[in-house]
Amino acid sequence: MKPAITFDDFLKVDIRIGTIIEVHEFPKAKNPAYQLIIDFGSLGIKKSSAQITDLYTKETLLHKQVSAIVNFKPRQIANFISEVLVLGVYNSNGNVVLLQASKKIKNGEQIS
């Protein structure tokens, strides 16, 4: 378990719902990954690199809603700038399963 944080620490994390509108192969990534283009509504379009190629194809990801941390500083991964961190959990096989809402939600809505 990680160290305890305060509620104020948690409030600093901005987690939003967005819809994947484009998916591209990312051959220059060190580990297999996709380049995702995600619509966060009023927050705009953001990019993310995601190592989710084991369980998801480009076709199954397109138009899927995902949850992501949107207030990380951008990070360069190979020749790509990742602006948000898409959230997932490792399953028993070590593959990432995306965290997503059980119902459709307006893009940009904040998770609290």
PDB file of N, CA and C in Angstrom:
ATOM      1  N   MET A   1       0.848  -1.179   0.000  1.00  0.00           N
ATOM      2  CA  MET A   1       0.000   0.000   0.000  1.00  0.00           C
ATOM      3  C   MET A   1       0.892   1.240   0.000  1.00  0.00           C
ATOM      4  N   LYS A   2       0.424   2.273  -0.667  1.00  0.00           N
ATOM      5  CA  LYS A   2       1.173   3.522  -0.755  1.00  0.00           C
ATOM      6  C   LYS A   2       0.908   4.372   0.493  1.00  0.00           C
ATOM      7  N   PRO A   3       1.745   5.390   0.727  1.00  0.00           N
ATOM      8  CA  PRO A   3       1.557   6.247   1.896  1.00  0.00           C
ATOM      9  C   PRO A   3       0.201   6.949   1.878  1.00  0.00           C
ATOM     10  N   ALA A   4      -0.337   7.208   3.056  1.00  0.00           N
ATOM     11  CA  ALA A   4      -1.622   7.910   3.185  1.00  0.00           C
ATOM     12  C   ALA A   4      -1.486   9.340   2.669  1.00  0.00           C
ATOM     13  N   ILE A   5      -2.548   9.827   2.052  1.00  0.00           N
ATOM     14  CA  ILE A   5      -2.602  11.210   1.606  1.00  0.00           C
ATOM     15  C   ILE A   5      -3.784  11.884   2.281  1.00  0.00           C
ATOM     16  N   THR A   6      -3.791  13.192   2.234  1.00  0.00           N
ATOM     17  CA  THR A   6      -4.913  13.931   2.807  1.00  0.00           C
ATOM     18  C   THR A   6      -5.994  14.107   1.750  1.00  0.00           C
ATOM     19  N   PHE A   7      -7.189  14.490   2.193  1.00  0.00           N
ATOM     20  CA  PHE A   7      -8.274  14.770   1.257  1.00  0.00           C
ATOM     21  C   PHE A   7      -7.878  15.925   0.342  1.00  0.00           C
ATOM     22  N   ASP A   8      -7.162  16.906   0.874  1.00  0.00           N
ATOM     23  CA  ASP A   8      -6.688  18.029   0.042  1.00  0.00           C
ATOM     24  C   ASP A   8      -5.757  17.545  -1.061  1.00  0.00           C
ATOM     25  N   ASP A   9      -4.917  16.528  -0.768  1.00  0.00           N
ATOM     26  CA  ASP A   9      -4.063  15.935  -1.805  1.00  0.00           C
ATOM     27  C   ASP A   9      -4.928  15.328  -2.909  1.00  0.00           C
ATOM     28  N   PHE A  10      -5.957  14.593  -2.524  1.00  0.00           N
ATOM     29  CA  PHE A  10      -6.848  13.965  -3.503  1.00  0.00           C
ATOM     30  C   PHE A  10      -7.526  15.013  -4.379  1.00  0.00           C
ATOM     31  N   LEU A  11      -7.927  16.133  -3.776  1.00  0.00           N
ATOM     32  CA  LEU A  11      -8.621  17.172  -4.534  1.00  0.00           C
ATOM     33  C   LEU A  11      -7.748  17.807  -5.618  1.00  0.00           C
ATOM     34  N   LYS A  12      -6.440  17.646  -5.514  1.00  0.00           N
ATOM     35  CA  LYS A  12      -5.528  18.186  -6.528  1.00  0.00           C
ATOM     36  C   LYS A  12      -5.566  17.370  -7.822  1.00  0.00           C
ATOM     37  N   VAL A  13      -6.015  16.121  -7.744  1.00  0.00           N
ATOM     38  CA  VAL A  13      -6.048  15.241  -8.907  1.00  0.00           C
ATOM     39  C   VAL A  13      -7.340  15.496  -9.675  1.00  0.00           C
ATOM     40  N   ASP A  14      -7.210  15.848 -10.943  1.00  0.00           N
ATOM     41  CA  ASP A  14      -8.367  16.157 -11.790  1.00  0.00           C
ATOM     42  C   ASP A  14      -8.617  14.973 -12.729  1.00  0.00           C
ATOM     43  N   ILE A  15      -9.616  14.162 -12.394  1.00  0.00           N
ATOM     44  CA  ILE A  15      -9.958  12.983 -13.191  1.00  0.00           C
ATOM     45  C   ILE A  15     -11.233  13.283 -13.958  1.00  0.00           C
ATOM     46  N   ARG A  16     -11.173  13.100 -15.269  1.00  0.00           N
ATOM     47  CA  ARG A  16     -12.309  13.416 -16.142  1.00  0.00           C
ATOM     48  C   ARG A  16     -12.648  12.252 -17.056  1.00  0.00           C
ATOM     49  N   ILE A  17     -13.848  12.310 -17.607  1.00  0.00           N
ATOM     50  CA  ILE A  17     -14.317  11.342 -18.596  1.00  0.00           C
ATOM     51  C   ILE A  17     -14.101  11.931 -19.982  1.00  0.00           C
ATOM     52  N   GLY A  18     -13.590  11.125 -20.894  1.00  0.00           N
ATOM     53  CA  GLY A  18     -13.419  11.545 -22.276  1.00  0.00           C
ATOM     54  C   GLY A  18     -13.705  10.389 -23.217  1.00  0.00           C
ATOM     55  N   THR A  19     -13.910  10.718 -24.483  1.00  0.00           N
ATOM     56  CA  THR A  19     -14.177   9.714 -25.507  1.00  0.00           C
ATOM     57  C   THR A  19     -13.017   9.655 -26.484  1.00  0.00           C
ATOM     58  N   ILE A  20     -12.527   8.451 -26.729  1.00  0.00           N
ATOM     59  CA  ILE A  20     -11.436   8.253 -27.681  1.00  0.00           C
ATOM     60  C   ILE A  20     -11.979   8.488 -29.086  1.00  0.00           C
ATOM     61  N   ILE A  21     -11.373   9.448 -29.793  1.00  0.00           N
ATOM     62  CA  ILE A  21     -11.847   9.769 -31.145  1.00  0.00           C
ATOM     63  C   ILE A  21     -10.864   9.331 -32.234  1.00  0.00           C
ATOM     64  N   GLU A  22      -9.630   9.030 -31.844  1.00  0.00           N
ATOM     65  CA  GLU A  22      -8.644   8.504 -32.789  1.00  0.00           C
ATOM     66  C   GLU A  22      -7.709   7.566 -32.034  1.00  0.00           C
ATOM     67  N   VAL A  23      -7.262   6.514 -32.724  1.00  0.00           N
ATOM     68  CA  VAL A  23      -6.290   5.569 -32.170  1.00  0.00           C
ATOM     69  C   VAL A  23      -5.247   5.301 -33.249  1.00  0.00           C
ATOM     70  N   HIS A  24      -3.972   5.423 -32.861  1.00  0.00           N
ATOM     71  CA  HIS A  24      -2.887   5.202 -33.811  1.00  0.00           C
ATOM     72  C   HIS A  24      -1.874   4.224 -33.219  1.00  0.00           C
ATOM     73  N   GLU A  25      -1.272   3.435 -34.078  1.00  0.00           N
ATOM     74  CA  GLU A  25      -0.154   2.591 -33.650  1.00  0.00           C
ATOM     75  C   GLU A  25       0.961   3.513 -33.154  1.00  0.00           C
ATOM     76  N   PHE A  26       1.798   3.002 -32.247  1.00  0.00           N
ATOM     77  CA  PHE A  26       2.907   3.791 -31.717  1.00  0.00           C
ATOM     78  C   PHE A  26       4.189   2.959 -31.799  1.00  0.00           C
ATOM     79  N   PRO A  27       4.713   2.777 -33.005  1.00  0.00           N
ATOM     80  CA  PRO A  27       5.874   1.897 -33.184  1.00  0.00           C
ATOM     81  C   PRO A  27       7.147   2.376 -32.496  1.00  0.00           C
ATOM     82  N   LYS A  28       7.266   3.664 -32.201  1.00  0.00           N
ATOM     83  CA  LYS A  28       8.481   4.178 -31.561  1.00  0.00           C
ATOM     84  C   LYS A  28       8.464   4.040 -30.038  1.00  0.00           C
ATOM     85  N   ALA A  29       7.347   3.611 -29.467  1.00  0.00           N
ATOM     86  CA  ALA A  29       7.272   3.419 -28.017  1.00  0.00           C
ATOM     87  C   ALA A  29       8.161   2.243 -27.603  1.00  0.00           C
ATOM     88  N   LYS A  30       8.760   2.348 -26.428  1.00  0.00           N
ATOM     89  CA  LYS A  30       9.632   1.291 -25.917  1.00  0.00           C
ATOM     90  C   LYS A  30       8.836  -0.002 -25.701  1.00  0.00           C
ATOM     91  N   ASN A  31       7.629   0.120 -25.148  1.00  0.00           N
ATOM     92  CA  ASN A  31       6.728  -1.016 -24.947  1.00  0.00           C
ATOM     93  C   ASN A  31       5.525  -0.840 -25.860  1.00  0.00           C
ATOM     94  N   PRO A  32       4.890  -1.934 -26.301  1.00  0.00           N
ATOM     95  CA  PRO A  32       3.736  -1.803 -27.193  1.00  0.00           C
ATOM     96  C   PRO A  32       2.683  -0.846 -26.623  1.00  0.00           C
ATOM     97  N   ALA A  33       2.258   0.109 -27.441  1.00  0.00           N
ATOM     98  CA  ALA A  33       1.314   1.138 -26.978  1.00  0.00           C
ATOM     99  C   ALA A  33       0.551   1.710 -28.167  1.00  0.00           C
ATOM    100  N   TYR A  34      -0.520   2.408 -27.821  1.00  0.00           N
ATOM    101  CA  TYR A  34      -1.280   3.178 -28.804  1.00  0.00           C
ATOM    102  C   TYR A  34      -1.142   4.660 -28.473  1.00  0.00           C
ATOM    103  N   GLN A  35      -1.287   5.486 -29.495  1.00  0.00           N
ATOM    104  CA  GLN A  35      -1.459   6.923 -29.321  1.00  0.00           C
ATOM    105  C   GLN A  35      -2.963   7.173 -29.374  1.00  0.00           C
ATOM    106  N   LEU A  36      -3.511   7.712 -28.301  1.00  0.00           N
ATOM    107  CA  LEU A  36      -4.941   7.989 -28.222  1.00  0.00           C
ATOM    108  C   LEU A  36      -5.189   9.484 -28.334  1.00  0.00           C
ATOM    109  N   ILE A  37      -6.207   9.851 -29.077  1.00  0.00           N
ATOM    110  CA  ILE A  37      -6.681  11.227 -29.147  1.00  0.00           C
ATOM    111  C   ILE A  37      -8.060  11.195 -28.482  1.00  0.00           C
ATOM    112  N   ILE A  38      -8.217  11.996 -27.415  1.00  0.00           N
ATOM    113  CA  ILE A  38      -9.402  11.889 -26.561  1.00  0.00           C
ATOM    114  C   ILE A  38     -10.109  13.231 -26.470  1.00  0.00           C
ATOM    115  N   ASP A  39     -11.425  13.205 -26.636  1.00  0.00           N
ATOM    116  CA  ASP A  39     -12.265  14.404 -26.545  1.00  0.00           C
ATOM    117  C   ASP A  39     -12.757  14.549 -25.111  1.00  0.00           C
ATOM    118  N   PHE A  40     -12.340  15.637 -24.462  1.00  0.00           N
ATOM    119  CA  PHE A  40     -12.756  15.934 -23.092  1.00  0.00           C
ATOM    120  C   PHE A  40     -13.746  17.101 -23.053  1.00  0.00           C
ATOM    121  N   GLY A  41     -14.566  17.230 -24.073  1.00  0.00           N
ATOM    122  CA  GLY A  41     -15.600  18.264 -24.094  1.00  0.00           C
ATOM    123  C   GLY A  41     -15.008  19.649 -23.985  1.00  0.00           C
ATOM    124  N   SER A  42     -15.453  20.411 -22.973  1.00  0.00           N
ATOM    125  CA  SER A  42     -15.019  21.800 -22.820  1.00  0.00           C
ATOM    126  C   SER A  42     -13.524  21.927 -22.514  1.00  0.00           C
ATOM    127  N   LEU A  43     -12.882  20.842 -22.074  1.00  0.00           N
ATOM    128  CA  LEU A  43     -11.429  20.864 -21.827  1.00  0.00           C
ATOM    129  C   LEU A  43     -10.637  20.711 -23.115  1.00  0.00           C
ATOM    130  N   GLY A  44     -11.303  20.298 -24.181  1.00  0.00           N
ATOM    131  CA  GLY A  44     -10.645  20.155 -25.472  1.00  0.00           C
ATOM    132  C   GLY A  44     -10.177  18.746 -25.764  1.00  0.00           C
ATOM    133  N   ILE A  45      -9.408  18.638 -26.812  1.00  0.00           N
ATOM    134  CA  ILE A  45      -8.860  17.368 -27.279  1.00  0.00           C
ATOM    135  C   ILE A  45      -7.472  17.193 -26.666  1.00  0.00           C
ATOM    136  N   LYS A  46      -7.231  16.013 -26.087  1.00  0.00           N
ATOM    137  CA  LYS A  46      -5.954  15.723 -25.445  1.00  0.00           C
ATOM    138  C   LYS A  46      -5.388  14.420 -25.996  1.00  0.00           C
ATOM    139  N   LYS A  47      -4.066  14.264 -25.885  1.00  0.00           N
ATOM    140  CA  LYS A  47      -3.376  13.076 -26.377  1.00  0.00           C
ATOM    141  C   LYS A  47      -2.838  12.253 -25.210  1.00  0.00           C
ATOM    142  N   SER A  48      -2.794  10.931 -25.420  1.00  0.00           N
ATOM    143  CA  SER A  48      -2.231  10.048 -24.411  1.00  0.00           C
ATOM    144  C   SER A  48      -1.586   8.842 -25.075  1.00  0.00           C
ATOM    145  N   SER A  49      -0.487   8.397 -24.499  1.00  0.00           N
ATOM    146  CA  SER A  49       0.117   7.129 -24.883  1.00  0.00           C
ATOM    147  C   SER A  49      -0.369   6.100 -23.868  1.00  0.00           C
ATOM    148  N   ALA A  50      -0.838   4.948 -24.366  1.00  0.00           N
ATOM    149  CA  ALA A  50      -1.390   3.946 -23.449  1.00  0.00           C
ATOM    150  C   ALA A  50      -0.905   2.552 -23.840  1.00  0.00           C
ATOM    151  N   GLN A  51      -0.355   1.843 -22.863  1.00  0.00           N
ATOM    152  CA  GLN A  51       0.126   0.476 -23.081  1.00  0.00           C
ATOM    153  C   GLN A  51      -1.028  -0.500 -22.842  1.00  0.00           C
ATOM    154  N   ILE A  52      -1.950  -0.519 -23.782  1.00  0.00           N
ATOM    155  CA  ILE A  52      -3.170  -1.320 -23.623  1.00  0.00           C
ATOM    156  C   ILE A  52      -3.410  -2.221 -24.838  1.00  0.00           C
ATOM    157  N   THR A  53      -2.333  -2.578 -25.526  1.00  0.00           N
ATOM    158  CA  THR A  53      -2.466  -3.333 -26.772  1.00  0.00           C
ATOM    159  C   THR A  53      -2.815  -4.806 -26.556  1.00  0.00           C
ATOM    160  N   ASP A  54      -2.627  -5.332 -25.365  1.00  0.00           N
ATOM    161  CA  ASP A  54      -2.909  -6.751 -25.124  1.00  0.00           C
ATOM    162  C   ASP A  54      -4.402  -7.066 -25.145  1.00  0.00           C
ATOM    163  N   LEU A  55      -5.214  -6.187 -24.581  1.00  0.00           N
ATOM    164  CA  LEU A  55      -6.651  -6.466 -24.460  1.00  0.00           C
ATOM    165  C   LEU A  55      -7.528  -5.659 -25.403  1.00  0.00           C
ATOM    166  N   TYR A  56      -6.947  -4.650 -26.065  1.00  0.00           N
ATOM    167  CA  TYR A  56      -7.755  -3.745 -26.877  1.00  0.00           C
ATOM    168  C   TYR A  56      -7.160  -3.598 -28.271  1.00  0.00           C
ATOM    169  N   THR A  57      -8.035  -3.580 -29.266  1.00  0.00           N
ATOM    170  CA  THR A  57      -7.621  -3.272 -30.630  1.00  0.00           C
ATOM    171  C   THR A  57      -7.956  -1.816 -30.898  1.00  0.00           C
ATOM    172  N   LYS A  58      -7.419  -1.293 -31.974  1.00  0.00           N
ATOM    173  CA  LYS A  58      -7.747   0.089 -32.341  1.00  0.00           C
ATOM    174  C   LYS A  58      -9.244   0.228 -32.556  1.00  0.00           C
ATOM    175  N   GLU A  59      -9.862  -0.777 -33.157  1.00  0.00           N
ATOM    176  CA  GLU A  59     -11.295  -0.714 -33.449  1.00  0.00           C
ATOM    177  C   GLU A  59     -12.147  -0.742 -32.178  1.00  0.00           C
ATOM    178  N   THR A  60     -11.755  -1.534 -31.176  1.00  0.00           N
ATOM    179  CA  THR A  60     -12.558  -1.593 -29.944  1.00  0.00           C
ATOM    180  C   THR A  60     -12.365  -0.349 -29.081  1.00  0.00           C
ATOM    181  N   LEU A  61     -11.261   0.354 -29.267  1.00  0.00           N
ATOM    182  CA  LEU A  61     -11.019   1.570 -28.482  1.00  0.00           C
ATOM    183  C   LEU A  61     -11.745   2.791 -29.041  1.00  0.00           C
ATOM    184  N   LEU A  62     -11.936   2.812 -30.350  1.00  0.00           N
ATOM    185  CA  LEU A  62     -12.559   3.975 -30.985  1.00  0.00           C
ATOM    186  C   LEU A  62     -13.960   4.194 -30.424  1.00  0.00           C
ATOM    187  N   HIS A  63     -14.231   5.402 -29.979  1.00  0.00           N
ATOM    188  CA  HIS A  63     -15.509   5.844 -29.400  1.00  0.00           C
ATOM    189  C   HIS A  63     -15.753   5.318 -27.977  1.00  0.00           C
ATOM    190  N   LYS A  64     -14.761   4.682 -27.372  1.00  0.00           N
ATOM    191  CA  LYS A  64     -14.887   4.203 -25.988  1.00  0.00           C
ATOM    192  C   LYS A  64     -14.647   5.369 -25.037  1.00  0.00           C
ATOM    193  N   GLN A  65     -15.485   5.458 -24.003  1.00  0.00           N
ATOM    194  CA  GLN A  65     -15.247   6.466 -22.968  1.00  0.00           C
ATOM    195  C   GLN A  65     -14.253   5.910 -21.959  1.00  0.00           C
ATOM    196  N   VAL A  66     -13.338   6.767 -21.525  1.00  0.00           N
ATOM    197  CA  VAL A  66     -12.314   6.387 -20.560  1.00  0.00           C
ATOM    198  C   VAL A  66     -12.216   7.457 -19.483  1.00  0.00           C
ATOM    199  N   SER A  67     -11.608   7.082 -18.370  1.00  0.00           N
ATOM    200  CA  SER A  67     -11.310   8.057 -17.329  1.00  0.00           C
ATOM    201  C   SER A  67      -9.817   8.351 -17.390  1.00  0.00           C
ATOM    202  N   ALA A  68      -9.460   9.617 -17.142  1.00  0.00           N
ATOM    203  CA  ALA A  68      -8.064  10.015 -17.243  1.00  0.00           C
ATOM    204  C   ALA A  68      -7.758  11.161 -16.296  1.00  0.00           C
ATOM    205  N   ILE A  69      -6.530  11.186 -15.822  1.00  0.00           N
ATOM    206  CA  ILE A  69      -6.039  12.324 -15.051  1.00  0.00           C
ATOM    207  C   ILE A  69      -5.600  13.361 -16.068  1.00  0.00           C
ATOM    208  N   VAL A  70      -6.196  14.545 -15.989  1.00  0.00           N
ATOM    209  CA  VAL A  70      -5.960  15.563 -17.014  1.00  0.00           C
ATOM    210  C   VAL A  70      -5.043  16.691 -16.555  1.00  0.00           C
ATOM    211  N   ASN A  71      -4.606  16.672 -15.303  1.00  0.00           N
ATOM    212  CA  ASN A  71      -3.762  17.776 -14.838  1.00  0.00           C
ATOM    213  C   ASN A  71      -2.324  17.354 -14.523  1.00  0.00           C
ATOM    214  N   PHE A  72      -1.856  16.295 -15.172  1.00  0.00           N
ATOM    215  CA  PHE A  72      -0.432  15.984 -15.134  1.00  0.00           C
ATOM    216  C   PHE A  72       0.297  16.915 -16.090  1.00  0.00           C
ATOM    217  N   LYS A  73       1.568  17.166 -15.812  1.00  0.00           N
ATOM    218  CA  LYS A  73       2.389  17.894 -16.776  1.00  0.00           C
ATOM    219  C   LYS A  73       2.594  16.980 -17.980  1.00  0.00           C
ATOM    220  N   PRO A  74       2.589  17.535 -19.201  1.00  0.00           N
ATOM    221  CA  PRO A  74       2.817  16.708 -20.396  1.00  0.00           C
ATOM    222  C   PRO A  74       4.146  15.971 -20.295  1.00  0.00           C
ATOM    223  N   ARG A  75       4.155  14.768 -20.869  1.00  0.00           N
ATOM    224  CA  ARG A  75       5.342  13.918 -20.800  1.00  0.00           C
ATOM    225  C   ARG A  75       5.691  13.430 -22.197  1.00  0.00           C
ATOM    226  N   GLN A  76       6.963  13.565 -22.565  1.00  0.00           N
ATOM    227  CA  GLN A  76       7.389  13.093 -23.876  1.00  0.00           C
ATOM    228  C   GLN A  76       7.714  11.608 -23.804  1.00  0.00           C
ATOM    229  N   ILE A  77       7.075  10.848 -24.705  1.00  0.00           N
ATOM    230  CA  ILE A  77       7.333   9.419 -24.840  1.00  0.00           C
ATOM    231  C   ILE A  77       7.742   9.203 -26.292  1.00  0.00           C
ATOM    232  N   ALA A  78       9.004   8.898 -26.489  1.00  0.00           N
ATOM    233  CA  ALA A  78       9.589   8.826 -27.840  1.00  0.00           C
ATOM    234  C   ALA A  78       9.331  10.151 -28.544  1.00  0.00           C
ATOM    235  N   ASN A  79       8.654  10.132 -29.680  1.00  0.00           N
ATOM    236  CA  ASN A  79       8.404  11.364 -30.438  1.00  0.00           C
ATOM    237  C   ASN A  79       6.995  11.906 -30.219  1.00  0.00           C
ATOM    238  N   PHE A  80       6.368  11.559 -29.096  1.00  0.00           N
ATOM    239  CA  PHE A  80       4.962  11.879 -28.834  1.00  0.00           C
ATOM    240  C   PHE A  80       4.839  12.546 -27.467  1.00  0.00           C
ATOM    241  N   ILE A  81       4.021  13.590 -27.379  1.00  0.00           N
ATOM    242  CA  ILE A  81       3.757  14.255 -26.104  1.00  0.00           C
ATOM    243  C   ILE A  81       2.436  13.731 -25.548  1.00  0.00           C
ATOM    244  N   SER A  82       2.516  13.051 -24.406  1.00  0.00           N
ATOM    245  CA  SER A  82       1.328  12.521 -23.734  1.00  0.00           C
ATOM    246  C   SER A  82       0.852  13.567 -22.733  1.00  0.00           C
ATOM    247  N   GLU A  83      -0.396  14.001 -22.881  1.00  0.00           N
ATOM    248  CA  GLU A  83      -0.927  15.098 -22.070  1.00  0.00           C
ATOM    249  C   GLU A  83      -1.778  14.640 -20.893  1.00  0.00           C
ATOM    250  N   VAL A  84      -2.314  13.440 -20.963  1.00  0.00           N
ATOM    251  CA  VAL A  84      -3.177  12.923 -19.896  1.00  0.00           C
ATOM    252  C   VAL A  84      -2.800  11.477 -19.611  1.00  0.00           C
ATOM    253  N   LEU A  85      -3.183  10.989 -18.431  1.00  0.00           N
ATOM    254  CA  LEU A  85      -2.934   9.603 -18.053  1.00  0.00           C
ATOM    255  C   LEU A  85      -4.256   8.863 -18.003  1.00  0.00           C
ATOM    256  N   VAL A  86      -4.452   7.958 -18.964  1.00  0.00           N
ATOM    257  CA  VAL A  86      -5.653   7.128 -18.994  1.00  0.00           C
ATOM    258  C   VAL A  86      -5.532   6.096 -17.870  1.00  0.00           C
ATOM    259  N   LEU A  87      -6.619   5.897 -17.125  1.00  0.00           N
ATOM    260  CA  LEU A  87      -6.571   5.045 -15.947  1.00  0.00           C
ATOM    261  C   LEU A  87      -6.994   3.613 -16.249  1.00  0.00           C
ATOM    262  N   GLY A  88      -6.297   2.696 -15.624  1.00  0.00           N
ATOM    263  CA  GLY A  88      -6.605   1.282 -15.759  1.00  0.00           C
ATOM    264  C   GLY A  88      -6.046   0.525 -14.579  1.00  0.00           C
ATOM    265  N   VAL A  89      -6.339  -0.753 -14.544  1.00  0.00           N
ATOM    266  CA  VAL A  89      -5.851  -1.625 -13.473  1.00  0.00           C
ATOM    267  C   VAL A  89      -5.285  -2.881 -14.122  1.00  0.00           C
ATOM    268  N   TYR A  90      -4.204  -3.405 -13.552  1.00  0.00           N
ATOM    269  CA  TYR A  90      -3.622  -4.639 -14.070  1.00  0.00           C
ATOM    270  C   TYR A  90      -4.468  -5.827 -13.631  1.00  0.00           C
ATOM    271  N   ASN A  91      -4.808  -6.703 -14.588  1.00  0.00           N
ATOM    272  CA  ASN A  91      -5.541  -7.917 -14.235  1.00  0.00           C
ATOM    273  C   ASN A  91      -4.553  -8.996 -13.804  1.00  0.00           C
ATOM    274  N   SER A  92      -5.038 -10.203 -13.535  1.00  0.00           N
ATOM    275  CA  SER A  92      -4.177 -11.280 -13.030  1.00  0.00           C
ATOM    276  C   SER A  92      -3.130 -11.722 -14.046  1.00  0.00           C
ATOM    277  N   ASN A  93      -3.317 -11.397 -15.324  1.00  0.00           N
ATOM    278  CA  ASN A  93      -2.336 -11.733 -16.356  1.00  0.00           C
ATOM    279  C   ASN A  93      -1.349 -10.599 -16.620  1.00  0.00           C
ATOM    280  N   GLY A  94      -1.471  -9.496 -15.880  1.00  0.00           N
ATOM    281  CA  GLY A  94      -0.566  -8.363 -16.052  1.00  0.00           C
ATOM    282  C   GLY A  94      -0.949  -7.434 -17.187  1.00  0.00           C
ATOM    283  N   ASN A  95      -2.173  -7.567 -17.696  1.00  0.00           N
ATOM    284  CA  ASN A  95      -2.672  -6.691 -18.760  1.00  0.00           C
ATOM    285  C   ASN A  95      -3.513  -5.575 -18.165  1.00  0.00           C
ATOM    286  N   VAL A  96      -3.463  -4.402 -18.780  1.00  0.00           N
ATOM    287  CA  VAL A  96      -4.217  -3.255 -18.280  1.00  0.00           C
ATOM    288  C   VAL A  96      -5.661  -3.326 -18.754  1.00  0.00           C
ATOM    289  N   VAL A  97      -6.591  -3.234 -17.789  1.00  0.00           N
ATOM    290  CA  VAL A  97      -8.021  -3.141 -18.060  1.00  0.00           C
ATOM    291  C   VAL A  97      -8.420  -1.698 -17.789  1.00  0.00           C
ATOM    292  N   LEU A  98      -9.002  -1.035 -18.780  1.00  0.00           N
ATOM    293  CA  LEU A  98      -9.381   0.368 -18.638  1.00  0.00           C
ATOM    294  C   LEU A  98     -10.481   0.557 -17.602  1.00  0.00           C
ATOM    295  N   LEU A  99     -10.376   1.642 -16.839  1.00  0.00           N
ATOM    296  CA  LEU A  99     -11.444   2.031 -15.918  1.00  0.00           C
ATOM    297  C   LEU A  99     -12.402   2.928 -16.677  1.00  0.00           C
ATOM    298  N   GLN A 100     -13.682   2.609 -16.612  1.00  0.00           N
ATOM    299  CA  GLN A 100     -14.662   3.406 -17.329  1.00  0.00           C
ATOM    300  C   GLN A 100     -15.990   3.386 -16.594  1.00  0.00           C
ATOM    301  N   ALA A 101     -16.813   4.367 -16.906  1.00  0.00           N
ATOM    302  CA  ALA A 101     -18.125   4.492 -16.291  1.00  0.00           C
ATOM    303  C   ALA A 101     -19.054   3.400 -16.813  1.00  0.00           C
ATOM    304  N   SER A 102     -20.025   3.023 -16.002  1.00  0.00           N
ATOM    305  CA  SER A 102     -20.975   1.994 -16.412  1.00  0.00           C
ATOM    306  C   SER A 102     -22.080   2.552 -17.310  1.00  0.00           C
ATOM    307  N   LYS A 103     -22.234   3.863 -17.362  1.00  0.00           N
ATOM    308  CA  LYS A 103     -23.209   4.535 -18.222  1.00  0.00           C
ATOM    309  C   LYS A 103     -22.487   5.638 -18.989  1.00  0.00           C
ATOM    310  N   LYS A 104     -23.047   6.034 -20.134  1.00  0.00           N
ATOM    311  CA  LYS A 104     -22.461   7.122 -20.925  1.00  0.00           C
ATOM    312  C   LYS A 104     -22.533   8.423 -20.131  1.00  0.00           C
ATOM    313  N   ILE A 105     -21.443   9.176 -20.170  1.00  0.00           N
ATOM    314  CA  ILE A 105     -21.327  10.427 -19.425  1.00  0.00           C
ATOM    315  C   ILE A 105     -20.846  11.508 -20.386  1.00  0.00           C
ATOM    316  N   LYS A 106     -21.257  12.724 -20.145  1.00  0.00           N
ATOM    317  CA  LYS A 106     -20.827  13.853 -20.968  1.00  0.00           C
ATOM    318  C   LYS A 106     -19.309  14.006 -20.879  1.00  0.00           C
ATOM    319  N   ASN A 107     -18.666  14.162 -22.046  1.00  0.00           N
ATOM    320  CA  ASN A 107     -17.214  14.358 -22.074  1.00  0.00           C
ATOM    321  C   ASN A 107     -16.817  15.556 -21.239  1.00  0.00           C
ATOM    322  N   GLY A 108     -15.759  15.377 -20.456  1.00  0.00           N
ATOM    323  CA  GLY A 108     -15.239  16.447 -19.622  1.00  0.00           C
ATOM    324  C   GLY A 108     -15.763  16.433 -18.197  1.00  0.00           C
ATOM    325  N   GLU A 109     -16.770  15.599 -17.918  1.00  0.00           N
ATOM    326  CA  GLU A 109     -17.303  15.559 -16.557  1.00  0.00           C
ATOM    327  C   GLU A 109     -16.217  15.075 -15.609  1.00  0.00           C
ATOM    328  N   GLN A 110     -16.205  15.671 -14.422  1.00  0.00           N
ATOM    329  CA  GLN A 110     -15.182  15.368 -13.423  1.00  0.00           C
ATOM    330  C   GLN A 110     -15.625  14.207 -12.544  1.00  0.00           C
ATOM    331  N   ILE A 111     -14.688  13.313 -12.272  1.00  0.00           N
ATOM    332  CA  ILE A 111     -14.925  12.212 -11.334  1.00  0.00           C
ATOM    333  C   ILE A 111     -14.606  12.731  -9.947  1.00  0.00           C
ATOM    334  N   SER A 112     -15.523  12.501  -9.036  1.00  0.00           N
ATOM    335  CA  SER A 112     -15.277  12.971  -7.655  1.00  0.00           C
ATOM    336  C   SER A 112     -15.520  11.881  -6.659  1.00  0.00           C
TER     337      SER A 112
END
